[in-house]
Protein backbone atom coordinates (compact mmCIF):
# COMPACT_ATOMS: atom_id res chain seq x y z
CA MET A 1 -7.04 -18.22 2.23
CA PHE A 2 -7.23 -15.09 4.50
CA ILE A 3 -11.23 -13.94 5.07
CA SER A 4 -11.47 -10.12 5.12
CA MET A 5 -13.21 -8.68 8.17
CA THR A 6 -16.50 -6.93 8.18
CA LYS A 7 -15.15 -3.62 8.05
CA THR A 8 -12.97 -2.64 5.19
CA LEU A 9 -9.63 -0.82 6.18
CA VAL A 10 -9.25 2.47 4.69
CA GLN A 11 -5.87 3.45 4.18
CA ILE A 12 -4.71 7.03 2.69
CA TYR A 13 -1.26 8.33 1.67
CA GLU A 14 0.65 10.29 1.94
CA VAL A 15 -0.10 12.26 5.07
CA GLN A 16 3.06 14.23 6.11
CA ASN A 17 1.64 16.56 8.65
CA PRO A 18 -0.28 16.48 12.37
CA ALA A 19 -3.41 18.80 11.05
CA GLU A 20 -4.06 16.57 8.25
CA ALA A 21 -3.79 13.79 9.99
CA GLU A 22 -6.31 14.99 12.72
CA ALA A 23 -8.85 15.78 9.67
CA LEU A 24 -8.51 12.53 8.20
CA ILE A 25 -8.97 10.43 11.53
CA ALA A 26 -12.00 12.78 12.04
CA LEU A 27 -13.32 11.12 8.70
CA GLY A 28 -13.20 7.53 9.81
CA VAL A 29 -9.53 6.92 8.16
CA ASP A 30 -7.80 3.91 9.87
CA HIS A 31 -4.56 3.88 8.42
CA MET A 32 -2.59 6.52 7.28
CA GLY A 33 0.96 6.34 5.90
CA SER A 34 3.86 8.86 5.63
CA VAL A 35 6.80 9.07 3.34
CA LEU A 36 10.55 9.34 4.49
CA LEU A 37 12.08 10.70 1.16
CA SER A 38 15.83 10.99 1.72
CA LEU A 39 18.63 8.74 3.22
CA ASP A 40 20.59 11.76 4.28
CA SER A 41 17.38 13.52 6.03
CA TRP A 42 15.33 11.22 7.38
CA LYS A 43 14.72 13.05 10.81
CA VAL A 44 11.58 14.82 10.23
CA GLU A 45 9.86 16.19 13.35
CA THR A 46 6.69 17.02 11.84
CA ILE A 47 6.56 13.45 10.71
CA ARG A 48 7.25 11.93 14.02
CA GLU A 49 4.32 14.39 15.40
CA THR A 50 2.22 13.19 12.91
CA VAL A 51 2.80 9.51 13.41
CA GLN A 52 2.02 10.38 17.52
CA THR A 53 -1.13 11.93 16.51
CA ILE A 54 -2.82 9.13 14.53
CA GLN A 55 -1.14 6.98 17.10
CA GLN A 56 -3.17 8.72 19.95
CA ALA A 57 -6.39 9.11 18.20
CA GLY A 58 -6.42 5.18 17.77
CA GLY A 59 -5.37 4.78 14.04
CA LYS A 60 -2.75 3.23 12.69
CA SER A 61 0.47 4.77 11.54
CA GLY A 62 2.58 3.84 8.56
CA LEU A 63 6.14 4.70 6.95
CA ILE A 64 7.52 4.22 3.72
CA PRO A 65 11.33 4.57 3.67
CA ILE A 66 12.58 5.72 0.03
CA PHE A 67 15.82 4.15 0.76
CA GLY A 68 17.12 0.58 0.94
CA ASP A 69 20.05 1.17 3.56
CA ALA A 70 18.90 -1.63 6.37
CA GLN A 71 20.74 0.16 8.94
CA THR A 72 19.13 3.60 8.19
CA VAL A 73 15.71 2.12 7.79
CA PHE A 74 16.04 0.51 11.35
CA GLN A 75 17.36 4.09 12.73
CA ALA A 76 14.35 5.40 11.40
CA LEU A 77 12.16 3.19 12.89
CA ASP A 78 13.74 3.59 16.28
CA TYR A 79 13.07 7.29 15.74
CA TYR A 80 9.31 7.33 14.79
CA ARG A 81 7.91 4.03 16.30
CA PRO A 82 5.21 3.48 13.54
CA ASP A 83 2.59 0.60 14.04
CA PHE A 84 3.70 -0.78 10.47
CA VAL A 85 6.52 0.01 8.05
CA HIS A 86 5.66 -0.24 4.11
CA PHE A 87 8.48 -2.04 1.91
CA CYS A 88 7.30 -0.95 -1.58
CA GLU A 89 10.50 -1.84 -3.98
CA ALA A 90 9.18 -3.09 -7.23
CA ILE A 91 9.20 -6.70 -7.81
CA PRO A 92 10.15 -8.48 -10.82
CA ILE A 93 6.74 -10.08 -12.19
CA PHE A 94 7.18 -10.27 -15.84
CA PRO A 95 8.87 -13.41 -17.23
CA GLY A 96 11.69 -11.93 -19.08
CA ASN A 97 12.96 -10.35 -15.92
CA GLN A 98 13.24 -12.96 -13.27
CA THR A 99 16.55 -14.13 -13.13
CA LYS A 100 18.74 -10.87 -12.70
CA PRO A 101 16.56 -9.76 -9.65
CA THR A 102 16.80 -12.99 -7.44
CA ARG A 103 19.52 -11.55 -5.48
CA GLU A 104 17.71 -8.50 -4.96
CA PHE A 105 14.44 -10.39 -3.88
CA ASP A 106 16.52 -12.42 -1.38
CA ALA A 107 17.36 -9.07 0.27
CA PHE A 108 14.19 -8.46 0.36
CA ILE A 109 13.27 -11.44 2.61
CA THR A 110 16.51 -10.94 4.71
CA LEU A 111 15.67 -7.35 5.38
CA GLN A 112 12.24 -8.58 6.64
CA VAL A 113 13.76 -11.30 8.94
CA GLN A 114 16.01 -9.12 10.24
CA PHE A 115 13.47 -6.22 10.78
CA LYS A 116 10.80 -8.93 12.60
CA LYS A 117 13.68 -9.72 14.93
CA ARG A 118 14.57 -6.30 15.85
CA PHE A 119 10.73 -5.01 15.90
CA PRO A 120 8.76 -7.39 16.84
CA GLN A 121 6.05 -5.06 17.59
CA ILE A 122 5.79 -3.14 14.21
CA LYS A 123 3.98 -4.73 11.40
CA ILE A 124 5.19 -5.25 7.83
CA MET A 125 3.43 -4.32 4.92
CA ARG A 126 4.99 -5.28 1.44
CA SER A 127 3.92 -4.09 -1.87
CA ILE A 128 3.15 -6.68 -4.56
CA SER A 129 3.20 -5.48 -8.17
CA VAL A 130 0.45 -6.11 -10.21
CA PRO A 131 0.09 -4.94 -14.11
CA LYS A 132 -2.46 -2.68 -15.47
CA PRO A 133 -5.26 -4.69 -17.72
CA GLY A 134 -3.93 -6.38 -20.70
CA ALA A 135 -0.61 -7.51 -19.90
CA ALA A 136 1.04 -9.95 -22.29
CA ARG A 137 1.35 -13.48 -21.00
CA GLU A 138 -1.21 -12.87 -18.11
CA ASN A 139 -0.81 -16.30 -16.95
CA ASN A 140 2.81 -16.60 -16.62
CA VAL A 141 2.57 -12.89 -15.04
CA LEU A 142 0.03 -13.99 -12.46
CA ASN A 143 2.01 -17.38 -11.50
CA ASN A 144 5.01 -15.28 -10.92
CA ILE A 145 3.25 -13.03 -8.77
CA LEU A 146 1.39 -15.95 -6.50
CA SER A 147 5.04 -17.39 -6.15
CA PHE A 148 6.56 -14.04 -4.64
CA THR A 149 3.59 -13.97 -2.46
CA LYS A 150 4.07 -17.28 -1.14
CA LEU A 151 7.77 -16.75 -0.37
CA LEU A 152 7.16 -13.16 1.35
CA ALA A 153 3.84 -14.02 3.44
CA PRO A 154 5.63 -15.99 6.34
CA PHE A 155 7.50 -12.67 6.70
CA SER A 156 4.68 -10.33 5.99
CA ASP A 157 1.89 -8.83 8.11
CA TYR A 158 -0.21 -7.30 5.13
CA PHE A 159 0.03 -7.21 1.30
CA LEU A 160 -0.61 -4.09 -0.55
CA ILE A 161 -1.16 -4.56 -4.25
CA ASP A 162 -0.32 -1.72 -6.36
CA THR A 163 -0.04 -0.81 -10.18
CA ILE A 164 3.34 -1.32 -12.13
CA ILE A 165 3.53 0.82 -15.13
CA GLY A 166 5.83 1.20 -18.31
CA ASP A 167 7.57 -1.45 -20.28
CA GLN A 168 7.61 -4.71 -18.72
CA GLY A 169 7.36 -3.16 -15.48
CA ALA A 170 10.86 -1.43 -15.60
CA LYS A 171 11.97 -0.06 -12.31
CA HIS A 172 13.00 3.31 -14.05
CA ASP A 173 9.54 3.49 -15.71
CA GLN A 174 7.83 4.09 -12.10
CA PRO A 175 7.04 7.47 -10.86
CA VAL A 176 9.75 7.12 -8.13
CA ALA A 177 12.33 4.83 -9.86
CA GLY A 178 12.77 1.31 -8.29
CA TYR A 179 9.56 1.68 -6.04
CA VAL A 180 6.22 0.69 -7.21
CA GLY A 181 2.87 3.23 -6.31
CA ILE A 182 1.53 6.53 -6.99
CA THR A 183 0.36 5.80 -10.58
CA GLY A 184 -3.05 6.73 -10.14
CA GLU A 185 -3.53 3.77 -12.78
CA VAL A 186 -6.02 0.62 -11.95
CA CYS A 187 -4.39 -2.73 -12.02
CA ASP A 188 -5.74 -5.76 -13.16
CA TRP A 189 -8.73 -6.69 -10.94
CA LYS A 190 -8.64 -10.28 -12.39
CA MET A 191 -4.90 -11.01 -11.04
CA ALA A 192 -5.84 -8.78 -7.75
CA GLY A 193 -8.66 -10.90 -7.14
CA GLU A 194 -6.74 -14.39 -7.47
CA ILE A 195 -3.90 -12.93 -5.37
CA ILE A 196 -6.75 -11.91 -2.61
CA LYS A 197 -8.00 -15.23 -2.64
CA GLN A 198 -5.20 -17.00 -2.32
CA SER A 199 -3.22 -14.95 0.29
CA PRO A 200 -2.96 -16.44 3.97
CA ILE A 201 -2.70 -12.42 5.28
CA PRO A 202 -4.70 -9.61 4.58
CA VAL A 203 -4.26 -7.59 1.38
CA ILE A 204 -5.14 -4.32 0.85
CA LEU A 205 -5.99 -3.18 -2.85
CA ALA A 206 -4.32 0.33 -4.16
CA GLY A 207 -3.69 1.36 -7.62
CA GLY A 208 -6.36 3.89 -8.93
CA ILE A 209 -8.49 3.71 -6.01
CA SER A 210 -11.17 6.66 -5.65
CA ASN A 211 -14.58 7.39 -4.21
CA GLU A 212 -15.73 6.45 -7.54
CA ASN A 213 -14.51 2.59 -7.54
CA VAL A 214 -13.91 1.90 -4.44
CA PHE A 215 -17.36 0.71 -3.95
CA ASP A 216 -17.16 -2.04 -6.84
CA ALA A 217 -13.71 -2.81 -5.71
CA ILE A 218 -14.95 -3.90 -2.26
CA ILE A 219 -17.70 -5.82 -3.43
CA LYS A 220 -16.01 -7.41 -6.59
CA LEU A 221 -12.66 -8.45 -4.83
CA ARG A 222 -13.38 -8.44 -1.04
CA PRO A 223 -10.13 -7.12 0.03
CA ALA A 224 -9.11 -6.90 3.74
CA GLY A 225 -8.51 -3.00 2.87
CA VAL A 226 -8.55 -0.05 0.36
CA ASP A 227 -5.57 2.39 -0.24
CA SER A 228 -5.47 5.73 -1.93
CA CYS A 229 -2.97 8.37 -2.40
CA THR A 230 -3.09 9.92 -5.89
CA LYS A 231 -6.72 9.75 -6.25
CA THR A 232 -7.39 11.37 -2.97
CA ASN A 233 -4.86 14.31 -3.53
CA ALA A 234 -5.90 17.95 -4.08
CA VAL A 235 -4.99 18.74 -7.45
CA ASP A 236 -3.45 22.01 -9.31
CA GLU A 237 -4.90 24.56 -12.01
CA ASP A 238 -4.02 21.80 -14.60
CA GLY A 239 -5.83 18.79 -13.16
CA GLN A 240 -2.71 17.20 -11.81
CA PRO A 241 -2.30 15.86 -7.98
CA ILE A 242 -0.49 17.91 -5.74
CA ARG A 243 1.70 15.49 -3.70
CA PHE A 244 1.32 15.60 0.17
CA GLN A 245 -1.68 17.32 -0.03
CA LYS A 246 -5.07 15.68 0.50
CA ASP A 247 -8.51 16.78 -0.76
CA LEU A 248 -10.67 16.27 2.48
CA LYS A 249 -13.79 15.92 0.41
CA LYS A 250 -12.64 13.34 -1.92
CA VAL A 251 -11.08 11.19 1.27
CA LYS A 252 -14.71 11.80 3.02
CA ARG A 253 -16.49 10.47 -0.03
CA MET A 254 -14.16 7.07 -0.19
CA VAL A 255 -14.73 6.56 3.21
CA GLU A 256 -18.91 6.84 2.73
CA GLU A 257 -18.64 4.69 -0.37
CA ALA A 258 -16.63 2.18 1.44
CA ARG A 259 -18.79 1.84 4.34
CA ARG A 260 -21.66 1.66 2.10
CA ALA A 261 -19.95 -1.43 0.43
CA ASP A 262 -19.34 -2.83 3.54
CA ALA A 263 -23.32 -2.61 4.54
CA ALA A 264 -23.94 -3.92 1.15
CA LEU A 265 -21.75 -6.97 1.78
CA ALA A 266 -23.23 -7.31 5.33
CA GLN A 267 -26.86 -7.52 4.09
CA SER A 268 -26.00 -10.17 1.39
CA LEU A 269 -24.94 -12.38 4.33
CA LYS A 270 -28.11 -12.07 5.68
CA LYS A 271 -29.93 -13.55 2.74
């Protein structure tokens, strides 16, 4: 079991420009992640400047490549040189979809092994799919998740728990097909807590984390970090999240609530 540090890491996605990165650093955000959306247009000078801005300010920068071509991923990491790379392909966790993706899961591990050999200085964050509360055959699903984490842990530096949605977690049901994340939905915290307890590496909790629930998440689950994207985005006139645009007031409040939880935990340890 990994024992989380006194200070809970606060991680914010999707940060795509230096000005926003500077504002988030000033608010006390520890990790910031950017997204590479295109296999064909993966070189984005603004994102490289964002990575450099974060690092120069003492934060940690991460990249999510939304494409699976290993060679292009390696080229992108040579170009950006982030602190960590985040692989967030949806992992099959439901009992009915275990056999077909075995080869695909082996490919995840192979990629991470190759990556570690080529970029030993860059850490790997691997998303772990967890359903919303009330999933059918809950114990079987949790056992499947734990078996995957056991296999992935030796080749990962962090796990990130995120919410998988839809009919049995089908890839096409996710907001970005084939990848887990940006649902704005809270995952099953009971399952998440068990993963955090059993994981030998740090676990960051994502999935609908906001300034309204981050205090309870830290107090109840004690993850190494908390992650927010959708719930700290700005919203449009209809109240819908705007991708790649943060609401700094929401982020500020989330950081404050995370630090309040840290202080409460520290106080409880003194008793």
